[in-house]
Amino acid sequence: MSFVLDTDIISTFAKIGRLKLLIKVFGEEIYMPEAVYQDLVCAQRAGYDYLKQTKDVITITKADDTQLNDNKLGAGEIECIALCKQRSMIFVSNDVRAKSAAEKVGVAVIDLAGILWYLKNENIITKGELQQIIKDIEEKDHTTLLGKEELLK
């Protein structure tokens, strides 16, 4: 099975220094479209220096056709969804609008909570590590994880 990650998932794990966890969850079949790569290049120019480590973990690929018309989505999300649709891949995003748009066109979606649940349930990380990861995500990525109390049980 192959997975396409959007910018927010990549940057979340890069900001906390845990990109390699994505390999433990998704294996070697992790992709990002060119538009997501360009988002990461822009982030690098803004001072976030995780582009090289991202390229070591995630393969850049191109969508054949991006005819999804949704003015509420960025180019990265549109390319991710198109790529998933064209190649029967799974979309990995934490963006509510992007997840909804993907599901509307029949693309399966995994979000941040799903990744963390998997890491926990497969005993890839300890409860203490999970607590630290959640804390780091909230502090470094300014993302509040809904349902974290349930996840930490």
N, C-alpha and C. Protein backbone atom coordinates (compact mmCIF):
# COMPACT_ATOMS: atom_id res chain seq x y z
N MET A 1 0.84 -1.17 0.00
CA MET A 1 0.00 0.00 0.00
C MET A 1 0.89 1.24 0.00
N SER A 2 0.48 2.28 -0.73
CA SER A 2 1.26 3.51 -0.84
C SER A 2 0.49 4.67 -0.23
N PHE A 3 1.25 5.65 0.25
CA PHE A 3 0.67 6.79 0.97
C PHE A 3 1.23 8.09 0.42
N VAL A 4 0.35 9.10 0.34
CA VAL A 4 0.74 10.43 -0.11
C VAL A 4 0.53 11.40 1.05
N LEU A 5 1.60 12.08 1.44
CA LEU A 5 1.55 12.98 2.59
C LEU A 5 1.49 14.42 2.12
N ASP A 6 0.69 15.21 2.83
CA ASP A 6 0.66 16.63 2.50
C ASP A 6 1.59 17.40 3.43
N THR A 7 1.70 18.68 3.16
CA THR A 7 2.68 19.51 3.85
C THR A 7 2.48 19.53 5.36
N ASP A 8 1.23 19.59 5.83
CA ASP A 8 1.05 19.75 7.27
C ASP A 8 1.52 18.53 8.05
N ILE A 9 1.30 17.33 7.55
CA ILE A 9 1.77 16.12 8.24
C ILE A 9 3.29 16.07 8.21
N ILE A 10 3.88 16.34 7.06
CA ILE A 10 5.34 16.32 6.95
C ILE A 10 5.96 17.34 7.89
N SER A 11 5.45 18.56 7.87
CA SER A 11 6.05 19.60 8.70
C SER A 11 5.84 19.33 10.18
N THR A 12 4.70 18.74 10.56
CA THR A 12 4.47 18.42 11.96
C THR A 12 5.56 17.48 12.48
N PHE A 13 5.81 16.39 11.75
CA PHE A 13 6.81 15.43 12.21
C PHE A 13 8.23 15.96 12.05
N ALA A 14 8.47 16.79 11.04
CA ALA A 14 9.80 17.39 10.88
C ALA A 14 10.10 18.36 12.01
N LYS A 15 9.13 19.17 12.38
CA LYS A 15 9.35 20.17 13.44
C LYS A 15 9.69 19.53 14.78
N ILE A 16 9.20 18.33 15.01
CA ILE A 16 9.49 17.67 16.28
C ILE A 16 10.64 16.66 16.14
N GLY A 17 11.27 16.63 14.97
CA GLY A 17 12.42 15.76 14.75
C GLY A 17 12.08 14.28 14.71
N ARG A 18 10.88 13.95 14.23
CA ARG A 18 10.42 12.55 14.23
C ARG A 18 9.95 12.07 12.87
N LEU A 19 10.55 12.56 11.79
CA LEU A 19 10.14 12.11 10.45
C LEU A 19 10.28 10.61 10.27
N LYS A 20 11.27 10.01 10.89
CA LYS A 20 11.50 8.57 10.71
C LYS A 20 10.35 7.73 11.27
N LEU A 21 9.54 8.30 12.16
CA LEU A 21 8.36 7.57 12.63
C LEU A 21 7.40 7.29 11.49
N LEU A 22 7.39 8.18 10.50
CA LEU A 22 6.50 7.98 9.35
C LEU A 22 6.86 6.71 8.59
N ILE A 23 8.14 6.37 8.54
CA ILE A 23 8.56 5.12 7.90
C ILE A 23 8.06 3.93 8.71
N LYS A 24 8.10 4.06 10.03
CA LYS A 24 7.63 2.96 10.88
C LYS A 24 6.13 2.74 10.72
N VAL A 25 5.40 3.81 10.42
CA VAL A 25 3.96 3.68 10.23
C VAL A 25 3.63 3.24 8.81
N PHE A 26 4.23 3.87 7.82
CA PHE A 26 3.84 3.68 6.43
C PHE A 26 4.80 2.84 5.60
N GLY A 27 5.93 2.45 6.14
CA GLY A 27 6.91 1.71 5.36
C GLY A 27 7.64 2.62 4.39
N GLU A 28 8.14 2.04 3.34
CA GLU A 28 8.95 2.79 2.36
C GLU A 28 8.11 3.45 1.26
N GLU A 29 6.84 3.14 1.20
CA GLU A 29 5.98 3.65 0.12
C GLU A 29 5.32 4.97 0.51
N ILE A 30 6.17 5.98 0.76
CA ILE A 30 5.68 7.30 1.17
C ILE A 30 6.04 8.30 0.07
N TYR A 31 5.03 9.06 -0.36
CA TYR A 31 5.23 10.00 -1.46
C TYR A 31 4.69 11.38 -1.11
N MET A 32 5.22 12.37 -1.83
CA MET A 32 4.66 13.71 -1.81
C MET A 32 4.71 14.24 -3.24
N PRO A 33 3.68 14.97 -3.64
CA PRO A 33 3.71 15.55 -4.98
C PRO A 33 4.64 16.77 -5.03
N GLU A 34 4.94 17.20 -6.23
CA GLU A 34 5.85 18.33 -6.42
C GLU A 34 5.36 19.60 -5.71
N ALA A 35 4.06 19.83 -5.69
CA ALA A 35 3.55 21.04 -5.04
C ALA A 35 3.83 21.03 -3.54
N VAL A 36 3.78 19.87 -2.91
CA VAL A 36 4.12 19.77 -1.49
C VAL A 36 5.61 20.04 -1.31
N TYR A 37 6.42 19.49 -2.20
CA TYR A 37 7.86 19.76 -2.15
C TYR A 37 8.12 21.26 -2.25
N GLN A 38 7.41 21.95 -3.14
CA GLN A 38 7.59 23.39 -3.27
C GLN A 38 7.17 24.13 -2.00
N ASP A 39 6.11 23.64 -1.33
CA ASP A 39 5.72 24.22 -0.04
C ASP A 39 6.87 24.10 0.96
N LEU A 40 7.54 22.95 0.95
CA LEU A 40 8.64 22.73 1.87
C LEU A 40 9.85 23.60 1.52
N VAL A 41 10.06 23.84 0.23
CA VAL A 41 11.13 24.76 -0.19
C VAL A 41 10.84 26.16 0.35
N CYS A 42 9.58 26.59 0.26
CA CYS A 42 9.19 27.89 0.81
C CYS A 42 9.40 27.93 2.32
N ALA A 43 9.08 26.84 2.99
CA ALA A 43 9.29 26.77 4.45
C ALA A 43 10.78 26.88 4.78
N GLN A 44 11.61 26.27 3.94
CA GLN A 44 13.05 26.37 4.16
C GLN A 44 13.51 27.81 4.05
N ARG A 45 13.00 28.51 3.07
CA ARG A 45 13.35 29.94 2.91
C ARG A 45 12.90 30.76 4.11
N ALA A 46 11.84 30.31 4.77
CA ALA A 46 11.33 31.00 5.95
C ALA A 46 12.06 30.60 7.23
N GLY A 47 13.04 29.69 7.10
CA GLY A 47 13.85 29.33 8.25
C GLY A 47 13.64 27.93 8.80
N TYR A 48 12.72 27.17 8.23
CA TYR A 48 12.51 25.79 8.68
C TYR A 48 13.41 24.88 7.85
N ASP A 49 14.42 24.33 8.49
CA ASP A 49 15.44 23.60 7.75
C ASP A 49 15.26 22.09 7.88
N TYR A 50 14.19 21.58 7.30
CA TYR A 50 13.98 20.13 7.34
C TYR A 50 13.79 19.55 5.95
N LEU A 51 14.14 20.29 4.92
CA LEU A 51 13.93 19.84 3.55
C LEU A 51 14.78 18.60 3.23
N LYS A 52 16.07 18.61 3.59
CA LYS A 52 16.93 17.47 3.26
C LYS A 52 16.45 16.21 3.96
N GLN A 53 16.15 16.30 5.25
CA GLN A 53 15.71 15.09 5.94
C GLN A 53 14.38 14.58 5.38
N THR A 54 13.56 15.48 4.88
CA THR A 54 12.29 15.07 4.26
C THR A 54 12.57 14.28 2.99
N LYS A 55 13.47 14.76 2.17
CA LYS A 55 13.80 14.07 0.91
C LYS A 55 14.43 12.72 1.17
N ASP A 56 15.04 12.52 2.33
CA ASP A 56 15.63 11.22 2.68
C ASP A 56 14.56 10.20 3.03
N VAL A 57 13.37 10.65 3.42
CA VAL A 57 12.31 9.77 3.91
C VAL A 57 11.17 9.62 2.89
N ILE A 58 10.88 10.68 2.14
CA ILE A 58 9.69 10.72 1.29
C ILE A 58 10.08 10.95 -0.17
N THR A 59 9.51 10.16 -1.07
CA THR A 59 9.79 10.26 -2.50
C THR A 59 8.89 11.31 -3.14
N ILE A 60 9.50 12.14 -3.97
CA ILE A 60 8.75 13.16 -4.71
C ILE A 60 8.23 12.52 -6.00
N THR A 61 6.96 12.75 -6.29
CA THR A 61 6.36 12.21 -7.51
C THR A 61 5.40 13.24 -8.11
N LYS A 62 4.94 12.97 -9.31
CA LYS A 62 4.08 13.93 -10.01
C LYS A 62 2.71 13.32 -10.29
N ALA A 63 1.70 14.11 -10.05
CA ALA A 63 0.34 13.70 -10.42
C ALA A 63 0.17 13.92 -11.92
N ASP A 64 -0.53 13.01 -12.57
CA ASP A 64 -0.73 13.12 -14.01
C ASP A 64 -1.73 14.21 -14.37
N ASP A 65 -2.71 14.39 -13.52
CA ASP A 65 -3.80 15.33 -13.83
C ASP A 65 -4.35 15.85 -12.50
N THR A 66 -4.53 17.13 -12.41
CA THR A 66 -5.02 17.72 -11.16
C THR A 66 -6.29 18.51 -11.41
N GLN A 67 -7.32 17.85 -11.87
CA GLN A 67 -8.56 18.53 -12.22
C GLN A 67 -9.53 18.70 -11.07
N LEU A 68 -9.09 18.53 -9.85
CA LEU A 68 -9.95 18.77 -8.71
C LEU A 68 -10.08 20.27 -8.55
N ASN A 69 -11.29 20.77 -8.64
CA ASN A 69 -11.51 22.21 -8.51
C ASN A 69 -12.08 22.52 -7.14
N ASP A 70 -11.25 23.05 -6.29
CA ASP A 70 -11.67 23.43 -4.94
C ASP A 70 -10.85 24.63 -4.53
N ASN A 71 -11.46 25.80 -4.56
CA ASN A 71 -10.73 27.03 -4.27
C ASN A 71 -10.37 27.18 -2.79
N LYS A 72 -10.80 26.23 -1.96
CA LYS A 72 -10.46 26.27 -0.53
C LYS A 72 -9.21 25.45 -0.23
N LEU A 73 -8.69 24.76 -1.23
CA LEU A 73 -7.51 23.93 -1.04
C LEU A 73 -6.30 24.54 -1.74
N GLY A 74 -5.13 24.26 -1.20
CA GLY A 74 -3.90 24.70 -1.84
C GLY A 74 -3.47 23.72 -2.91
N ALA A 75 -2.48 24.13 -3.68
CA ALA A 75 -1.97 23.28 -4.76
C ALA A 75 -1.46 21.95 -4.24
N GLY A 76 -0.84 21.94 -3.06
CA GLY A 76 -0.32 20.71 -2.49
C GLY A 76 -1.41 19.71 -2.19
N GLU A 77 -2.47 20.18 -1.55
CA GLU A 77 -3.59 19.28 -1.23
C GLU A 77 -4.26 18.76 -2.50
N ILE A 78 -4.44 19.64 -3.48
CA ILE A 78 -5.07 19.24 -4.73
C ILE A 78 -4.24 18.16 -5.42
N GLU A 79 -2.92 18.36 -5.47
CA GLU A 79 -2.06 17.35 -6.09
C GLU A 79 -2.06 16.04 -5.31
N CYS A 80 -2.06 16.14 -3.98
CA CYS A 80 -2.11 14.92 -3.16
C CYS A 80 -3.36 14.10 -3.46
N ILE A 81 -4.49 14.77 -3.47
CA ILE A 81 -5.75 14.07 -3.71
C ILE A 81 -5.79 13.49 -5.12
N ALA A 82 -5.32 14.26 -6.10
CA ALA A 82 -5.30 13.77 -7.48
C ALA A 82 -4.40 12.54 -7.60
N LEU A 83 -3.25 12.59 -6.97
CA LEU A 83 -2.31 11.47 -7.01
C LEU A 83 -2.92 10.22 -6.38
N CYS A 84 -3.57 10.40 -5.25
CA CYS A 84 -4.23 9.28 -4.57
C CYS A 84 -5.33 8.68 -5.44
N LYS A 85 -6.11 9.53 -6.05
CA LYS A 85 -7.20 9.08 -6.90
C LYS A 85 -6.67 8.30 -8.11
N GLN A 86 -5.64 8.84 -8.75
CA GLN A 86 -5.09 8.23 -9.96
C GLN A 86 -4.39 6.90 -9.70
N ARG A 87 -3.74 6.78 -8.54
CA ARG A 87 -2.90 5.60 -8.29
C ARG A 87 -3.41 4.73 -7.13
N SER A 88 -4.62 4.98 -6.68
CA SER A 88 -5.22 4.22 -5.57
C SER A 88 -4.33 4.23 -4.34
N MET A 89 -3.90 5.42 -3.96
CA MET A 89 -3.06 5.59 -2.78
C MET A 89 -3.91 6.16 -1.65
N ILE A 90 -3.36 6.17 -0.45
CA ILE A 90 -4.05 6.72 0.71
C ILE A 90 -3.47 8.09 1.03
N PHE A 91 -4.36 9.04 1.28
CA PHE A 91 -4.00 10.42 1.56
C PHE A 91 -3.78 10.59 3.06
N VAL A 92 -2.65 11.21 3.44
CA VAL A 92 -2.33 11.44 4.84
C VAL A 92 -2.28 12.95 5.06
N SER A 93 -3.24 13.44 5.85
CA SER A 93 -3.38 14.88 6.07
C SER A 93 -4.05 15.13 7.41
N ASN A 94 -3.81 16.30 7.93
CA ASN A 94 -4.52 16.71 9.14
C ASN A 94 -5.39 17.93 8.86
N ASP A 95 -5.49 18.30 7.60
CA ASP A 95 -6.27 19.46 7.18
C ASP A 95 -7.73 19.04 6.98
N VAL A 96 -8.63 19.64 7.73
CA VAL A 96 -10.05 19.25 7.72
C VAL A 96 -10.65 19.37 6.32
N ARG A 97 -10.40 20.49 5.65
CA ARG A 97 -10.97 20.69 4.30
C ARG A 97 -10.41 19.69 3.30
N ALA A 98 -9.10 19.46 3.38
CA ALA A 98 -8.48 18.52 2.45
C ALA A 98 -8.98 17.10 2.68
N LYS A 99 -9.12 16.71 3.95
CA LYS A 99 -9.64 15.37 4.24
C LYS A 99 -11.06 15.21 3.70
N SER A 100 -11.88 16.23 3.88
CA SER A 100 -13.26 16.19 3.40
C SER A 100 -13.31 16.10 1.88
N ALA A 101 -12.50 16.90 1.21
CA ALA A 101 -12.46 16.89 -0.26
C ALA A 101 -12.01 15.53 -0.78
N ALA A 102 -11.03 14.94 -0.12
CA ALA A 102 -10.54 13.62 -0.54
C ALA A 102 -11.63 12.56 -0.38
N GLU A 103 -12.29 12.58 0.75
CA GLU A 103 -13.34 11.58 1.00
C GLU A 103 -14.49 11.73 0.01
N LYS A 104 -14.78 12.97 -0.41
CA LYS A 104 -15.86 13.20 -1.38
C LYS A 104 -15.58 12.56 -2.73
N VAL A 105 -14.29 12.41 -3.07
CA VAL A 105 -13.95 11.79 -4.36
C VAL A 105 -13.50 10.34 -4.18
N GLY A 106 -13.75 9.78 -3.00
CA GLY A 106 -13.49 8.37 -2.78
C GLY A 106 -12.07 8.00 -2.39
N VAL A 107 -11.31 8.97 -1.91
CA VAL A 107 -9.93 8.71 -1.49
C VAL A 107 -9.91 8.45 0.02
N ALA A 108 -9.27 7.36 0.41
CA ALA A 108 -9.13 7.03 1.84
C ALA A 108 -8.14 8.00 2.49
N VAL A 109 -8.41 8.32 3.76
CA VAL A 109 -7.62 9.34 4.47
C VAL A 109 -7.17 8.82 5.83
N ILE A 110 -5.95 9.17 6.19
CA ILE A 110 -5.42 8.95 7.54
C ILE A 110 -4.98 10.31 8.05
N ASP A 111 -5.28 10.59 9.33
CA ASP A 111 -4.88 11.88 9.89
C ASP A 111 -3.87 11.70 11.01
N LEU A 112 -3.50 12.81 11.65
CA LEU A 112 -2.50 12.80 12.71
C LEU A 112 -2.90 11.88 13.86
N ALA A 113 -4.14 11.95 14.28
CA ALA A 113 -4.60 11.09 15.37
C ALA A 113 -4.47 9.61 14.97
N GLY A 114 -4.79 9.29 13.74
CA GLY A 114 -4.66 7.91 13.26
C GLY A 114 -3.22 7.41 13.31
N ILE A 115 -2.29 8.29 12.95
CA ILE A 115 -0.87 7.94 13.01
C ILE A 115 -0.47 7.66 14.46
N LEU A 116 -0.87 8.55 15.36
CA LEU A 116 -0.51 8.39 16.77
C LEU A 116 -1.14 7.14 17.37
N TRP A 117 -2.39 6.87 17.02
CA TRP A 117 -3.05 5.64 17.49
C TRP A 117 -2.26 4.41 17.03
N TYR A 118 -1.85 4.41 15.78
CA TYR A 118 -1.09 3.28 15.24
C TYR A 118 0.22 3.10 16.00
N LEU A 119 0.95 4.20 16.19
CA LEU A 119 2.22 4.13 16.92
C LEU A 119 2.03 3.54 18.31
N LYS A 120 0.94 3.94 18.95
CA LYS A 120 0.65 3.44 20.29
C LYS A 120 0.23 1.97 20.26
N ASN A 121 -0.76 1.64 19.45
CA ASN A 121 -1.33 0.30 19.43
C ASN A 121 -0.36 -0.77 18.94
N GLU A 122 0.57 -0.39 18.08
CA GLU A 122 1.56 -1.34 17.58
C GLU A 122 2.81 -1.38 18.46
N ASN A 123 2.76 -0.65 19.57
CA ASN A 123 3.88 -0.60 20.52
C ASN A 123 5.19 -0.13 19.87
N ILE A 124 5.06 0.78 18.92
CA ILE A 124 6.23 1.36 18.27
C ILE A 124 6.86 2.39 19.19
N ILE A 125 6.02 3.06 19.97
CA ILE A 125 6.48 4.02 20.96
C ILE A 125 5.84 3.70 22.31
N THR A 126 6.48 4.15 23.38
CA THR A 126 5.94 3.95 24.72
C THR A 126 4.92 5.05 25.02
N LYS A 127 4.18 4.86 26.10
CA LYS A 127 3.22 5.89 26.51
C LYS A 127 3.95 7.20 26.83
N GLY A 128 5.10 7.09 27.46
CA GLY A 128 5.90 8.28 27.76
C GLY A 128 6.34 9.00 26.50
N GLU A 129 6.77 8.23 25.48
CA GLU A 129 7.16 8.84 24.21
C GLU A 129 5.96 9.50 23.55
N LEU A 130 4.81 8.85 23.62
CA LEU A 130 3.59 9.42 23.05
C LEU A 130 3.25 10.75 23.73
N GLN A 131 3.35 10.78 25.03
CA GLN A 131 3.09 12.02 25.76
C GLN A 131 4.04 13.12 25.30
N GLN A 132 5.31 12.77 25.14
CA GLN A 132 6.30 13.76 24.70
C GLN A 132 6.03 14.21 23.27
N ILE A 133 5.66 13.28 22.39
CA ILE A 133 5.35 13.64 21.00
C ILE A 133 4.17 14.60 20.95
N ILE A 134 3.13 14.31 21.71
CA ILE A 134 1.96 15.19 21.74
C ILE A 134 2.35 16.57 22.27
N LYS A 135 3.12 16.60 23.33
CA LYS A 135 3.58 17.88 23.89
C LYS A 135 4.40 18.66 22.85
N ASP A 136 5.32 17.96 22.17
CA ASP A 136 6.15 18.61 21.15
C ASP A 136 5.31 19.14 19.99
N ILE A 137 4.32 18.36 19.56
CA ILE A 137 3.45 18.80 18.47
C ILE A 137 2.69 20.07 18.88
N GLU A 138 2.17 20.06 20.08
CA GLU A 138 1.42 21.22 20.54
C GLU A 138 2.30 22.45 20.69
N GLU A 139 3.52 22.26 21.16
CA GLU A 139 4.42 23.40 21.37
C GLU A 139 5.11 23.87 20.09
N LYS A 140 5.62 22.94 19.31
CA LYS A 140 6.45 23.30 18.16
C LYS A 140 5.66 23.51 16.88
N ASP A 141 4.50 22.85 16.78
CA ASP A 141 3.68 22.98 15.57
C ASP A 141 2.41 23.77 15.84
N HIS A 142 2.20 24.15 17.10
CA HIS A 142 1.02 24.92 17.49
C HIS A 142 -0.27 24.23 17.04
N THR A 143 -0.28 22.91 17.21
CA THR A 143 -1.43 22.09 16.84
C THR A 143 -2.01 21.47 18.09
N THR A 144 -3.30 21.67 18.31
CA THR A 144 -3.97 21.03 19.44
C THR A 144 -4.56 19.72 18.96
N LEU A 145 -4.20 18.66 19.62
CA LEU A 145 -4.69 17.34 19.24
C LEU A 145 -5.97 17.04 19.99
N LEU A 146 -7.08 17.03 19.26
CA LEU A 146 -8.36 16.72 19.87
C LEU A 146 -8.40 15.24 20.23
N GLY A 147 -8.93 14.93 21.39
CA GLY A 147 -9.03 13.54 21.82
C GLY A 147 -7.75 12.97 22.38
N LYS A 148 -6.82 13.84 22.75
CA LYS A 148 -5.54 13.32 23.25
C LYS A 148 -5.69 12.57 24.57
N GLU A 149 -6.69 12.94 25.36
CA GLU A 149 -6.91 12.24 26.63
C GLU A 149 -7.23 10.77 26.38
N GLU A 150 -8.08 10.53 25.40
CA GLU A 150 -8.43 9.15 25.04
C GLU A 150 -7.22 8.40 24.50
N LEU A 151 -6.43 9.08 23.71
CA LEU A 151 -5.24 8.48 23.12
C LEU A 151 -4.23 8.08 24.20
N LEU A 152 -4.15 8.86 25.24
CA LEU A 152 -3.16 8.62 26.29
C LEU A 152 -3.61 7.61 27.34
N LYS A 153 -4.82 7.08 27.24
CA LYS A 153 -5.31 6.08 28.21
C LYS A 153 -4.52 4.80 28.10
